[in-house]
Amino acid sequence: MAAKSLHNEKTDILFDVILSLASREECYAFFEDLCTVKELSAMVQRYEVAGLLDQGKTFSVISEETGASTATIARVNKCLQYGEGYAMALKRSKKLDV
């Protein structure tokens, strides 16, 4: 994690707002205003990479399927190995069957 912690009051407010969004349409409206197309596409790509890593796909297959660089794949893989966020989200998405 970066030297400056993300755990602070301003981030809490943003996350509380995100948690208050009630529909996919509200999420689209908010994130299209909050993020550039490139930023949102990068987040989508990283989550897709996490899912493919979770399925046991190789870096080369993932890169070919998603266009992600090996550096991005390695970073996501590190987060899957040592973090909690991707694993939690992937587990929940399996319950949603998405």
Protein backbone atom coordinates (compact mmCIF):
# COMPACT_ATOMS: atom_id res chain seq x y z
CA MET A 1 0.00 0.00 0.00
CA ALA A 2 1.14 3.56 -0.62
CA ALA A 3 2.87 5.42 2.19
CA LYS A 4 -0.16 7.65 2.73
CA SER A 5 -2.99 5.51 4.03
CA LEU A 6 -6.28 5.48 2.17
CA HIS A 7 -8.04 4.86 5.48
CA ASN A 8 -9.23 8.35 6.33
CA GLU A 9 -12.40 10.39 6.76
CA LYS A 10 -12.54 11.60 3.14
CA THR A 11 -12.23 8.06 1.79
CA ASP A 12 -14.86 6.89 4.30
CA ILE A 13 -17.26 9.51 2.92
CA LEU A 14 -16.65 8.38 -0.67
CA PHE A 15 -17.17 4.73 0.25
CA ASP A 16 -20.35 5.58 2.17
CA VAL A 17 -21.68 7.34 -0.93
CA ILE A 18 -20.79 4.31 -3.09
CA LEU A 19 -22.53 2.01 -0.62
CA SER A 20 -25.65 4.20 -0.84
CA LEU A 21 -26.01 3.69 -4.61
CA ALA A 22 -29.16 1.66 -5.12
CA SER A 23 -28.95 0.35 -8.67
CA ARG A 24 -26.64 -0.44 -11.55
CA GLU A 25 -27.95 2.68 -13.32
CA GLU A 26 -26.98 4.83 -10.30
CA CYS A 27 -23.53 3.22 -10.33
CA TYR A 28 -23.10 4.02 -14.03
CA ALA A 29 -24.17 7.63 -13.48
CA PHE A 30 -21.85 8.13 -10.50
CA PHE A 31 -18.79 6.33 -11.85
CA GLU A 32 -19.09 7.93 -15.29
CA ASP A 33 -18.90 11.31 -13.54
CA LEU A 34 -16.23 10.26 -11.03
CA CYS A 35 -13.83 8.41 -13.35
CA THR A 36 -12.48 8.87 -16.82
CA VAL A 37 -13.36 6.14 -19.31
CA LYS A 38 -9.75 4.95 -19.07
CA GLU A 39 -9.83 4.78 -15.25
CA LEU A 40 -13.08 2.83 -15.18
CA SER A 41 -11.88 0.52 -17.96
CA ALA A 42 -8.69 -0.16 -15.98
CA MET A 43 -10.73 -1.12 -12.90
CA VAL A 44 -12.94 -3.41 -14.99
CA GLN A 45 -9.85 -4.99 -16.55
CA ARG A 46 -8.18 -5.60 -13.17
CA TYR A 47 -11.31 -7.27 -11.81
CA GLU A 48 -11.54 -9.43 -14.94
CA VAL A 49 -7.87 -10.38 -14.47
CA ALA A 50 -8.59 -11.35 -10.86
CA GLY A 51 -11.39 -13.64 -12.00
CA LEU A 52 -9.21 -15.31 -14.60
CA LEU A 53 -6.37 -15.78 -12.11
CA ASP A 54 -8.89 -17.29 -9.70
CA GLN A 55 -9.82 -19.75 -12.46
CA GLY A 56 -6.16 -20.76 -12.72
CA LYS A 57 -5.46 -19.20 -16.12
CA THR A 58 -1.85 -18.39 -16.98
CA PHE A 59 -0.46 -14.87 -17.30
CA SER A 60 -0.05 -15.30 -21.06
CA VAL A 61 -3.64 -16.45 -21.56
CA ILE A 62 -4.94 -13.62 -19.37
CA SER A 63 -2.87 -11.06 -21.24
CA GLU A 64 -4.17 -12.36 -24.55
CA GLU A 65 -7.81 -12.41 -23.37
CA THR A 66 -7.84 -9.05 -21.60
CA GLY A 67 -5.02 -7.02 -23.10
CA ALA A 68 -3.62 -6.49 -19.59
CA SER A 69 0.12 -6.12 -19.24
CA THR A 70 2.06 -8.73 -17.31
CA ALA A 71 2.82 -6.02 -14.73
CA THR A 72 -0.90 -5.48 -14.15
CA ILE A 73 -1.52 -9.21 -13.96
CA ALA A 74 1.34 -9.61 -11.48
CA ARG A 75 0.00 -6.81 -9.29
CA VAL A 76 -3.50 -8.31 -9.26
CA ASN A 77 -2.00 -11.72 -8.53
CA LYS A 78 -0.09 -10.27 -5.58
CA CYS A 79 -3.30 -8.76 -4.24
CA LEU A 80 -5.07 -12.11 -4.64
CA GLN A 81 -2.27 -13.84 -2.75
CA TYR A 82 -1.81 -11.34 0.08
CA GLY A 83 -4.86 -9.11 0.10
CA GLU A 84 -8.50 -9.66 0.93
CA GLY A 85 -10.53 -7.48 -1.41
CA TYR A 86 -10.44 -9.43 -4.66
CA ALA A 87 -11.02 -12.77 -2.92
CA MET A 88 -14.02 -11.37 -1.04
CA ALA A 89 -15.51 -9.82 -4.18
CA LEU A 90 -14.94 -12.94 -6.29
CA LYS A 91 -16.55 -15.14 -3.63
CA ARG A 92 -19.59 -12.87 -3.55
CA SER A 93 -19.82 -12.68 -7.34
CA LYS A 94 -19.93 -16.49 -7.46
CA LYS A 95 -22.93 -16.38 -5.12
CA LEU A 96 -24.56 -13.85 -7.47
CA ASP A 97 -23.70 -16.11 -10.43
CA VAL A 98 -22.14 -13.22 -12.39
